[in-house]
Amino acid sequence: MVLSNQLNLTTGAFYKHFKNKNELFLATAEKLSEDLFNQLNQPNTDDDVKKLLNLGNNLLDYFTKEPYLIDFLFFDQSNIKYTDQYNFKLLELVKNYIHNIVYNNHLNIDEETLFIQVWSFIQGYGMLLRNNIVTKNQEFLNKTFYQFINHEELNKNE
């Protein structure tokens, strides 16, 4: 095991901390998610719509700045299968913003539906950006987010 050698650990000592490599990957993903959460969770407003939009905007930047990090966190199959066992703070933050948006604005939309729409949009748009298929367009991003929540003011400039 190359990693254990680099850390000057025996295989036995390594497996004292992790049952297997999937557990190591998940612990790593959880820590990376927490680090990303801490970097992205810098709200400068009380408006949950703007917080979600800002978080999405910043997360999209990571698709081009840190593509391997994004791949590991969101597209690695070992992480995806076991997410219910670990605390991925970034996902919980998005779900919390969506809950607040639906509840506080008395929206007639299911929270899970809105979460799927927002998360799918961020991932899809992020992959298009990462692969240089499109360029980032703030107006498009704003309009799409506001359309998801049926917000009357489709494009507020901040």
N, C-alpha and C. Protein backbone atom coordinates (compact mmCIF):
# COMPACT_ATOMS: atom_id res chain seq x y z
N MET A 1 0.87 -1.18 0.00
CA MET A 1 0.00 0.00 0.00
C MET A 1 0.91 1.23 0.00
N VAL A 2 0.89 1.98 -1.05
CA VAL A 2 1.77 3.13 -1.21
C VAL A 2 1.46 4.22 -0.19
N LEU A 3 0.22 4.50 0.06
CA LEU A 3 -0.15 5.55 1.00
C LEU A 3 0.39 5.26 2.40
N SER A 4 0.22 4.05 2.85
CA SER A 4 0.71 3.72 4.20
C SER A 4 2.22 3.85 4.26
N ASN A 5 2.93 3.49 3.19
CA ASN A 5 4.38 3.66 3.16
C ASN A 5 4.77 5.13 3.23
N GLN A 6 4.06 5.97 2.50
CA GLN A 6 4.35 7.41 2.52
C GLN A 6 4.09 8.02 3.89
N LEU A 7 3.15 7.45 4.60
CA LEU A 7 2.82 7.95 5.95
C LEU A 7 3.64 7.25 7.04
N ASN A 8 4.54 6.36 6.61
CA ASN A 8 5.34 5.57 7.55
C ASN A 8 4.46 4.76 8.49
N LEU A 9 3.42 4.18 7.92
CA LEU A 9 2.52 3.32 8.68
C LEU A 9 2.59 1.90 8.14
N THR A 10 2.41 0.94 9.02
CA THR A 10 2.24 -0.43 8.53
C THR A 10 0.81 -0.57 8.04
N THR A 11 0.57 -1.60 7.26
CA THR A 11 -0.79 -1.85 6.78
C THR A 11 -1.73 -2.05 7.97
N GLY A 12 -1.26 -2.75 8.99
CA GLY A 12 -2.07 -2.98 10.19
C GLY A 12 -2.43 -1.69 10.89
N ALA A 13 -1.45 -0.78 11.00
CA ALA A 13 -1.72 0.51 11.65
C ALA A 13 -2.71 1.32 10.82
N PHE A 14 -2.57 1.24 9.51
CA PHE A 14 -3.50 1.95 8.63
C PHE A 14 -4.92 1.45 8.86
N TYR A 15 -5.10 0.13 8.88
CA TYR A 15 -6.44 -0.44 9.03
C TYR A 15 -6.97 -0.34 10.45
N LYS A 16 -6.15 0.14 11.37
CA LYS A 16 -6.64 0.45 12.71
C LYS A 16 -7.54 1.68 12.65
N HIS A 17 -7.25 2.57 11.69
CA HIS A 17 -8.02 3.81 11.52
C HIS A 17 -9.15 3.66 10.50
N PHE A 18 -8.96 2.84 9.50
CA PHE A 18 -9.96 2.66 8.43
C PHE A 18 -10.12 1.17 8.16
N LYS A 19 -11.37 0.72 8.05
CA LYS A 19 -11.63 -0.69 7.79
C LYS A 19 -11.14 -1.11 6.41
N ASN A 20 -11.30 -0.20 5.45
CA ASN A 20 -10.92 -0.51 4.06
C ASN A 20 -10.72 0.79 3.30
N LYS A 21 -10.39 0.67 2.03
CA LYS A 21 -10.11 1.89 1.25
C LYS A 21 -11.37 2.72 1.01
N ASN A 22 -12.53 2.09 0.94
CA ASN A 22 -13.77 2.87 0.79
C ASN A 22 -14.00 3.77 2.00
N GLU A 23 -13.72 3.25 3.18
CA GLU A 23 -13.87 4.07 4.38
C GLU A 23 -12.88 5.24 4.36
N LEU A 24 -11.68 5.00 3.88
CA LEU A 24 -10.69 6.08 3.74
C LEU A 24 -11.19 7.13 2.75
N PHE A 25 -11.69 6.68 1.60
CA PHE A 25 -12.20 7.61 0.59
C PHE A 25 -13.35 8.44 1.14
N LEU A 26 -14.24 7.79 1.88
CA LEU A 26 -15.38 8.51 2.42
C LEU A 26 -14.96 9.50 3.50
N ALA A 27 -14.03 9.12 4.34
CA ALA A 27 -13.53 10.05 5.37
C ALA A 27 -12.85 11.24 4.70
N THR A 28 -12.12 10.98 3.62
CA THR A 28 -11.47 12.05 2.87
C THR A 28 -12.51 12.95 2.22
N ALA A 29 -13.53 12.35 1.63
CA ALA A 29 -14.59 13.13 1.00
C ALA A 29 -15.33 13.99 2.02
N GLU A 30 -15.56 13.42 3.20
CA GLU A 30 -16.24 14.18 4.25
C GLU A 30 -15.41 15.39 4.66
N LYS A 31 -14.11 15.19 4.82
CA LYS A 31 -13.22 16.29 5.21
C LYS A 31 -13.13 17.34 4.10
N LEU A 32 -12.99 16.91 2.86
CA LEU A 32 -12.94 17.85 1.73
C LEU A 32 -14.25 18.62 1.60
N SER A 33 -15.37 17.92 1.82
CA SER A 33 -16.67 18.58 1.78
C SER A 33 -16.77 19.63 2.87
N GLU A 34 -16.27 19.31 4.05
CA GLU A 34 -16.28 20.27 5.15
C GLU A 34 -15.41 21.48 4.82
N ASP A 35 -14.24 21.24 4.24
CA ASP A 35 -13.36 22.35 3.86
C ASP A 35 -14.02 23.23 2.81
N LEU A 36 -14.65 22.60 1.82
CA LEU A 36 -15.34 23.35 0.78
C LEU A 36 -16.52 24.12 1.38
N PHE A 37 -17.23 23.49 2.28
CA PHE A 37 -18.33 24.14 3.00
C PHE A 37 -17.83 25.40 3.71
N ASN A 38 -16.72 25.28 4.42
CA ASN A 38 -16.18 26.42 5.15
C ASN A 38 -15.76 27.55 4.22
N GLN A 39 -15.28 27.21 3.04
CA GLN A 39 -14.88 28.23 2.08
C GLN A 39 -16.09 28.89 1.42
N LEU A 40 -17.12 28.10 1.15
CA LEU A 40 -18.28 28.62 0.42
C LEU A 40 -19.35 29.21 1.32
N ASN A 41 -19.37 28.84 2.57
CA ASN A 41 -20.40 29.31 3.49
C ASN A 41 -19.97 30.65 4.10
N GLN A 42 -19.95 31.66 3.28
CA GLN A 42 -19.59 33.00 3.71
C GLN A 42 -20.74 33.95 3.39
N PRO A 43 -21.93 33.70 3.94
CA PRO A 43 -23.08 34.54 3.58
C PRO A 43 -22.91 35.98 4.06
N ASN A 44 -23.19 36.89 3.17
CA ASN A 44 -23.12 38.31 3.53
C ASN A 44 -24.50 38.95 3.44
N THR A 45 -25.53 38.12 3.57
CA THR A 45 -26.90 38.58 3.48
C THR A 45 -27.78 37.66 4.32
N ASP A 46 -28.96 38.14 4.67
CA ASP A 46 -29.94 37.31 5.37
C ASP A 46 -30.90 36.63 4.41
N ASP A 47 -30.84 36.97 3.14
CA ASP A 47 -31.74 36.45 2.11
C ASP A 47 -31.24 35.08 1.65
N ASP A 48 -32.03 34.03 1.96
CA ASP A 48 -31.61 32.68 1.61
C ASP A 48 -31.53 32.46 0.11
N VAL A 49 -32.33 33.17 -0.67
CA VAL A 49 -32.24 33.05 -2.13
C VAL A 49 -30.87 33.55 -2.58
N LYS A 50 -30.46 34.69 -2.07
CA LYS A 50 -29.16 35.24 -2.44
C LYS A 50 -28.02 34.36 -1.91
N LYS A 51 -28.20 33.78 -0.71
CA LYS A 51 -27.19 32.88 -0.18
C LYS A 51 -27.01 31.67 -1.09
N LEU A 52 -28.14 31.09 -1.52
CA LEU A 52 -28.08 29.92 -2.39
C LEU A 52 -27.47 30.28 -3.73
N LEU A 53 -27.84 31.42 -4.27
CA LEU A 53 -27.30 31.88 -5.54
C LEU A 53 -25.79 32.11 -5.42
N ASN A 54 -25.36 32.72 -4.33
CA ASN A 54 -23.94 32.97 -4.11
C ASN A 54 -23.17 31.66 -3.96
N LEU A 55 -23.74 30.73 -3.20
CA LEU A 55 -23.10 29.43 -3.03
C LEU A 55 -22.97 28.71 -4.37
N GLY A 56 -24.05 28.71 -5.14
CA GLY A 56 -24.01 28.07 -6.46
C GLY A 56 -22.99 28.72 -7.37
N ASN A 57 -22.94 30.04 -7.36
CA ASN A 57 -21.99 30.78 -8.17
C ASN A 57 -20.55 30.41 -7.80
N ASN A 58 -20.27 30.39 -6.50
CA ASN A 58 -18.92 30.03 -6.05
C ASN A 58 -18.58 28.58 -6.32
N LEU A 59 -19.56 27.70 -6.17
CA LEU A 59 -19.32 26.29 -6.45
C LEU A 59 -19.02 26.08 -7.93
N LEU A 60 -19.70 26.83 -8.79
CA LEU A 60 -19.42 26.73 -10.22
C LEU A 60 -17.97 27.10 -10.53
N ASP A 61 -17.43 28.05 -9.80
CA ASP A 61 -16.03 28.42 -10.01
C ASP A 61 -15.09 27.25 -9.72
N TYR A 62 -15.47 26.41 -8.75
CA TYR A 62 -14.63 25.26 -8.42
C TYR A 62 -14.60 24.22 -9.54
N PHE A 63 -15.63 24.18 -10.36
CA PHE A 63 -15.63 23.22 -11.47
C PHE A 63 -14.48 23.49 -12.43
N THR A 64 -14.08 24.75 -12.56
CA THR A 64 -12.96 25.08 -13.44
C THR A 64 -11.64 25.23 -12.67
N LYS A 65 -11.69 25.73 -11.44
CA LYS A 65 -10.47 25.94 -10.66
C LYS A 65 -9.95 24.64 -10.03
N GLU A 66 -10.85 23.80 -9.56
CA GLU A 66 -10.49 22.57 -8.85
C GLU A 66 -11.27 21.37 -9.40
N PRO A 67 -11.09 21.06 -10.68
CA PRO A 67 -11.92 19.99 -11.28
C PRO A 67 -11.74 18.62 -10.63
N TYR A 68 -10.53 18.30 -10.17
CA TYR A 68 -10.33 16.98 -9.56
C TYR A 68 -11.01 16.89 -8.20
N LEU A 69 -11.03 17.98 -7.46
CA LEU A 69 -11.74 18.02 -6.20
C LEU A 69 -13.24 17.80 -6.43
N ILE A 70 -13.79 18.49 -7.41
CA ILE A 70 -15.21 18.34 -7.74
C ILE A 70 -15.51 16.92 -8.18
N ASP A 71 -14.66 16.35 -9.03
CA ASP A 71 -14.87 14.98 -9.48
C ASP A 71 -14.88 14.02 -8.29
N PHE A 72 -13.93 14.19 -7.40
CA PHE A 72 -13.84 13.30 -6.25
C PHE A 72 -15.07 13.43 -5.35
N LEU A 73 -15.49 14.66 -5.09
CA LEU A 73 -16.62 14.87 -4.17
C LEU A 73 -17.96 14.48 -4.76
N PHE A 74 -18.18 14.79 -6.03
CA PHE A 74 -19.53 14.64 -6.58
C PHE A 74 -19.71 13.52 -7.59
N PHE A 75 -18.63 13.00 -8.14
CA PHE A 75 -18.80 12.03 -9.20
C PHE A 75 -18.09 10.70 -8.94
N ASP A 76 -17.31 10.59 -7.88
CA ASP A 76 -16.65 9.34 -7.55
C ASP A 76 -17.69 8.37 -7.02
N GLN A 77 -17.79 7.21 -7.64
CA GLN A 77 -18.83 6.25 -7.29
C GLN A 77 -18.75 5.77 -5.84
N SER A 78 -17.55 5.64 -5.29
CA SER A 78 -17.46 5.16 -3.91
C SER A 78 -18.04 6.19 -2.94
N ASN A 79 -17.96 7.46 -3.26
CA ASN A 79 -18.54 8.49 -2.41
C ASN A 79 -20.05 8.54 -2.56
N ILE A 80 -20.53 8.40 -3.77
CA ILE A 80 -21.96 8.52 -4.05
C ILE A 80 -22.75 7.41 -3.36
N LYS A 81 -22.23 6.20 -3.35
CA LYS A 81 -22.96 5.06 -2.80
C LYS A 81 -23.17 5.15 -1.29
N TYR A 82 -22.28 5.81 -0.58
CA TYR A 82 -22.32 5.75 0.87
C TYR A 82 -22.59 7.10 1.53
N THR A 83 -23.14 8.05 0.81
CA THR A 83 -23.30 9.39 1.36
C THR A 83 -24.23 9.43 2.57
N ASP A 84 -25.13 8.48 2.70
CA ASP A 84 -26.03 8.51 3.84
C ASP A 84 -25.32 8.19 5.15
N GLN A 85 -24.12 7.64 5.09
CA GLN A 85 -23.39 7.29 6.31
C GLN A 85 -22.52 8.44 6.82
N TYR A 86 -22.33 9.46 6.01
CA TYR A 86 -21.40 10.52 6.36
C TYR A 86 -22.07 11.88 6.32
N ASN A 87 -21.43 12.83 6.94
CA ASN A 87 -21.97 14.17 7.04
C ASN A 87 -21.34 15.06 5.98
N PHE A 88 -22.03 15.27 4.87
CA PHE A 88 -21.55 16.15 3.82
C PHE A 88 -22.21 17.51 4.03
N LYS A 89 -21.48 18.40 4.71
CA LYS A 89 -22.03 19.67 5.14
C LYS A 89 -22.51 20.54 3.98
N LEU A 90 -21.84 20.46 2.86
CA LEU A 90 -22.23 21.29 1.72
C LEU A 90 -23.62 20.91 1.22
N LEU A 91 -23.89 19.63 1.12
CA LEU A 91 -25.23 19.19 0.72
C LEU A 91 -26.27 19.64 1.74
N GLU A 92 -25.94 19.51 3.00
CA GLU A 92 -26.88 19.91 4.05
C GLU A 92 -27.13 21.42 4.02
N LEU A 93 -26.11 22.20 3.69
CA LEU A 93 -26.28 23.65 3.59
C LEU A 93 -27.24 24.00 2.46
N VAL A 94 -27.07 23.36 1.32
CA VAL A 94 -27.97 23.60 0.19
C VAL A 94 -29.39 23.21 0.57
N LYS A 95 -29.56 22.06 1.19
CA LYS A 95 -30.90 21.63 1.61
C LYS A 95 -31.51 22.60 2.62
N ASN A 96 -30.68 23.12 3.51
CA ASN A 96 -31.16 24.08 4.50
C ASN A 96 -31.62 25.37 3.83
N TYR A 97 -30.83 25.89 2.90
CA TYR A 97 -31.23 27.09 2.17
C TYR A 97 -32.55 26.85 1.44
N ILE A 98 -32.68 25.72 0.81
CA ILE A 98 -33.90 25.41 0.06
C ILE A 98 -35.09 25.30 1.01
N HIS A 99 -34.91 24.64 2.14
CA HIS A 99 -35.99 24.56 3.12
C HIS A 99 -36.44 25.97 3.53
N ASN A 100 -35.49 26.83 3.86
CA ASN A 100 -35.82 28.20 4.28
C ASN A 100 -36.52 28.98 3.17
N ILE A 101 -36.06 28.80 1.95
CA ILE A 101 -36.67 29.51 0.81
C ILE A 101 -38.13 29.07 0.65
N VAL A 102 -38.37 27.78 0.67
CA VAL A 102 -39.73 27.26 0.49
C VAL A 102 -40.61 27.68 1.66
N TYR A 103 -40.12 27.52 2.87
CA TYR A 103 -40.92 27.82 4.07
C TYR A 103 -41.18 29.32 4.22
N ASN A 104 -40.13 30.13 4.14
CA ASN A 104 -40.27 31.57 4.39
C ASN A 104 -41.02 32.31 3.30
N ASN A 105 -41.00 31.78 2.09
CA ASN A 105 -41.68 32.44 0.97
C ASN A 105 -43.00 31.76 0.62
N HIS A 106 -43.39 30.77 1.43
CA HIS A 106 -44.66 30.06 1.22
C HIS A 106 -44.79 29.58 -0.22
N LEU A 107 -43.72 28.98 -0.72
CA LEU A 107 -43.72 28.51 -2.10
C LEU A 107 -44.50 27.21 -2.21
N ASN A 108 -45.15 27.06 -3.32
CA ASN A 108 -45.91 25.86 -3.59
C ASN A 108 -45.04 24.91 -4.42
N ILE A 109 -43.95 24.45 -3.80
CA ILE A 109 -43.04 23.52 -4.46
C ILE A 109 -42.47 22.58 -3.41
N ASP A 110 -42.30 21.35 -3.79
CA ASP A 110 -41.73 20.34 -2.91
C ASP A 110 -40.23 20.61 -2.74
N GLU A 111 -39.75 20.58 -1.50
CA GLU A 111 -38.34 20.86 -1.22
C GLU A 111 -37.40 19.91 -1.95
N GLU A 112 -37.76 18.64 -1.99
CA GLU A 112 -36.89 17.66 -2.67
C GLU A 112 -36.82 17.95 -4.17
N THR A 113 -37.94 18.34 -4.75
CA THR A 113 -37.96 18.69 -6.18
C THR A 113 -37.06 19.89 -6.44
N LEU A 114 -37.16 20.90 -5.61
CA LEU A 114 -36.33 22.09 -5.79
C LEU A 114 -34.86 21.74 -5.58
N PHE A 115 -34.56 20.91 -4.59
CA PHE A 115 -33.18 20.49 -4.36
C PHE A 115 -32.62 19.79 -5.60
N ILE A 116 -33.38 18.86 -6.16
CA ILE A 116 -32.92 18.12 -7.34
C ILE A 116 -32.70 19.09 -8.51
N GLN A 117 -33.62 20.02 -8.70
CA GLN A 117 -33.47 20.98 -9.78
C GLN A 117 -32.20 21.82 -9.61
N VAL A 118 -32.02 22.36 -8.42
CA VAL A 118 -30.87 23.24 -8.17
C VAL A 118 -29.56 22.45 -8.26
N TRP A 119 -29.50 21.30 -7.59
CA TRP A 119 -28.26 20.52 -7.57
C TRP A 119 -27.92 20.00 -8.97
N SER A 120 -28.92 19.54 -9.69
CA SER A 120 -28.68 19.05 -11.06
C SER A 120 -28.21 20.18 -11.96
N PHE A 121 -28.80 21.34 -11.81
CA PHE A 121 -28.40 22.49 -12.61
C PHE A 121 -26.94 22.86 -12.33
N ILE A 122 -26.58 22.95 -11.05
CA ILE A 122 -25.20 23.32 -10.70
C ILE A 122 -24.22 22.30 -11.27
N GLN A 123 -24.51 21.02 -11.10
CA GLN A 123 -23.59 20.00 -11.61
C GLN A 123 -23.52 20.02 -13.14
N GLY A 124 -24.66 20.12 -13.79
CA GLY A 124 -24.66 20.13 -15.25
C GLY A 124 -23.98 21.36 -15.83
N TYR A 125 -24.33 22.51 -15.30
CA TYR A 125 -23.73 23.76 -15.77
C TYR A 125 -22.24 23.76 -15.45
N GLY A 126 -21.88 23.25 -14.28
CA GLY A 126 -20.47 23.17 -13.89
C GLY A 126 -19.67 22.30 -14.84
N MET A 127 -20.24 21.18 -15.27
CA MET A 127 -19.52 20.31 -16.22
C MET A 127 -19.37 20.99 -17.58
N LEU A 128 -20.38 21.73 -18.00
CA LEU A 128 -20.26 22.48 -19.25
C LEU A 128 -19.15 23.53 -19.15
N LEU A 129 -19.08 24.19 -18.01
CA LEU A 129 -18.02 25.19 -17.78
C LEU A 129 -16.65 24.52 -17.75
N ARG A 130 -16.57 23.45 -17.01
CA ARG A 130 -15.29 22.75 -16.87
C ARG A 130 -14.74 22.30 -18.21
N ASN A 131 -15.61 21.84 -19.08
CA ASN A 131 -15.18 21.33 -20.38
C ASN A 131 -15.13 22.41 -21.45
N ASN A 132 -15.24 23.66 -21.03
CA ASN A 132 -15.15 24.81 -21.94
C ASN A 132 -16.17 24.76 -23.07
N ILE A 133 -17.34 24.22 -22.77
CA ILE A 133 -18.41 24.17 -23.76
C ILE A 133 -19.18 25.47 -23.75
N VAL A 134 -19.30 26.07 -22.58
CA VAL A 134 -19.95 27.38 -22.42
C VAL A 134 -19.07 28.24 -21.52
N THR A 135 -19.35 29.52 -21.49
CA THR A 135 -18.69 30.42 -20.54
C THR A 135 -19.71 30.81 -19.48
N LYS A 136 -19.19 31.14 -18.32
CA LYS A 136 -20.08 31.48 -17.20
C LYS A 136 -20.80 32.79 -17.50
N ASN A 137 -22.11 32.75 -17.28
CA ASN A 137 -22.96 33.90 -17.55
C ASN A 137 -23.79 34.16 -16.29
N GLN A 138 -23.43 35.22 -15.58
CA GLN A 138 -24.09 35.52 -14.30
C GLN A 138 -25.58 35.80 -14.48
N GLU A 139 -25.95 36.48 -15.54
CA GLU A 139 -27.37 36.77 -15.79
C GLU A 139 -28.16 35.48 -15.98
N PHE A 140 -27.60 34.55 -16.74
CA PHE A 140 -28.24 33.25 -16.95
C PHE A 140 -28.38 32.50 -15.63
N LEU A 141 -27.31 32.51 -14.83
CA LEU A 141 -27.34 31.84 -13.54
C LEU A 141 -28.43 32.42 -12.64
N ASN A 142 -28.47 33.74 -12.52
CA ASN A 142 -29.49 34.40 -11.70
C ASN A 142 -30.90 34.06 -12.18
N LYS A 143 -31.12 34.21 -13.46
CA LYS A 143 -32.45 33.98 -14.02
C LYS A 143 -32.90 32.54 -13.79
N THR A 144 -32.00 31.59 -13.98
CA THR A 144 -32.35 30.19 -13.80
C THR A 144 -32.72 29.90 -12.34
N PHE A 145 -31.93 30.41 -11.40
CA PHE A 145 -32.24 30.21 -9.98
C PHE A 145 -33.60 30.79 -9.63
N TYR A 146 -33.85 32.01 -10.07
CA TYR A 146 -35.13 32.64 -9.75
C TYR A 146 -36.30 31.92 -10.42
N GLN A 147 -36.08 31.36 -11.60
CA GLN A 147 -37.14 30.58 -12.24
C GLN A 147 -37.44 29.31 -11.46
N PHE A 148 -36.41 28.69 -10.91
CA PHE A 148 -36.63 27.48 -10.11
C PHE A 148 -37.55 27.75 -8.94
N ILE A 149 -37.45 28.90 -8.34
CA ILE A 149 -38.26 29.19 -7.16
C ILE A 149 -39.48 30.04 -7.49
N ASN A 150 -39.72 30.25 -8.77
CA ASN A 150 -40.87 31.05 -9.22
C ASN A 150 -40.86 32.43 -8.60
N HIS A 151 -39.70 33.00 -8.50
CA HIS A 151 -39.52 34.32 -7.88
C HIS A 151 -39.95 35.39 -8.88
N GLU A 152 -40.69 36.39 -8.41
CA GLU A 152 -41.19 37.44 -9.30
C GLU A 152 -40.07 38.31 -9.88
N GLU A 153 -39.03 38.58 -9.09
CA GLU A 153 -37.96 39.42 -9.57
C GLU A 153 -36.89 38.52 -10.17
N LEU A 154 -36.91 38.36 -11.49
CA LEU A 154 -36.07 37.36 -12.13
C LEU A 154 -34.59 37.71 -12.14
N ASN A 155 -34.25 38.96 -12.12
CA ASN A 155 -32.82 39.25 -12.24
C ASN A 155 -32.46 40.48 -11.43
N LYS A 156 -32.23 40.29 -10.16
CA LYS A 156 -31.80 41.40 -9.31
C LYS A 156 -30.30 41.53 -9.44
N ASN A 157 -29.83 42.70 -9.75
CA ASN A 157 -28.39 42.94 -9.75
C ASN A 157 -27.97 43.24 -8.34
N GLU A 158 -26.86 42.65 -7.95
CA GLU A 158 -26.41 42.80 -6.57
C GLU A 158 -25.29 43.79 -6.50
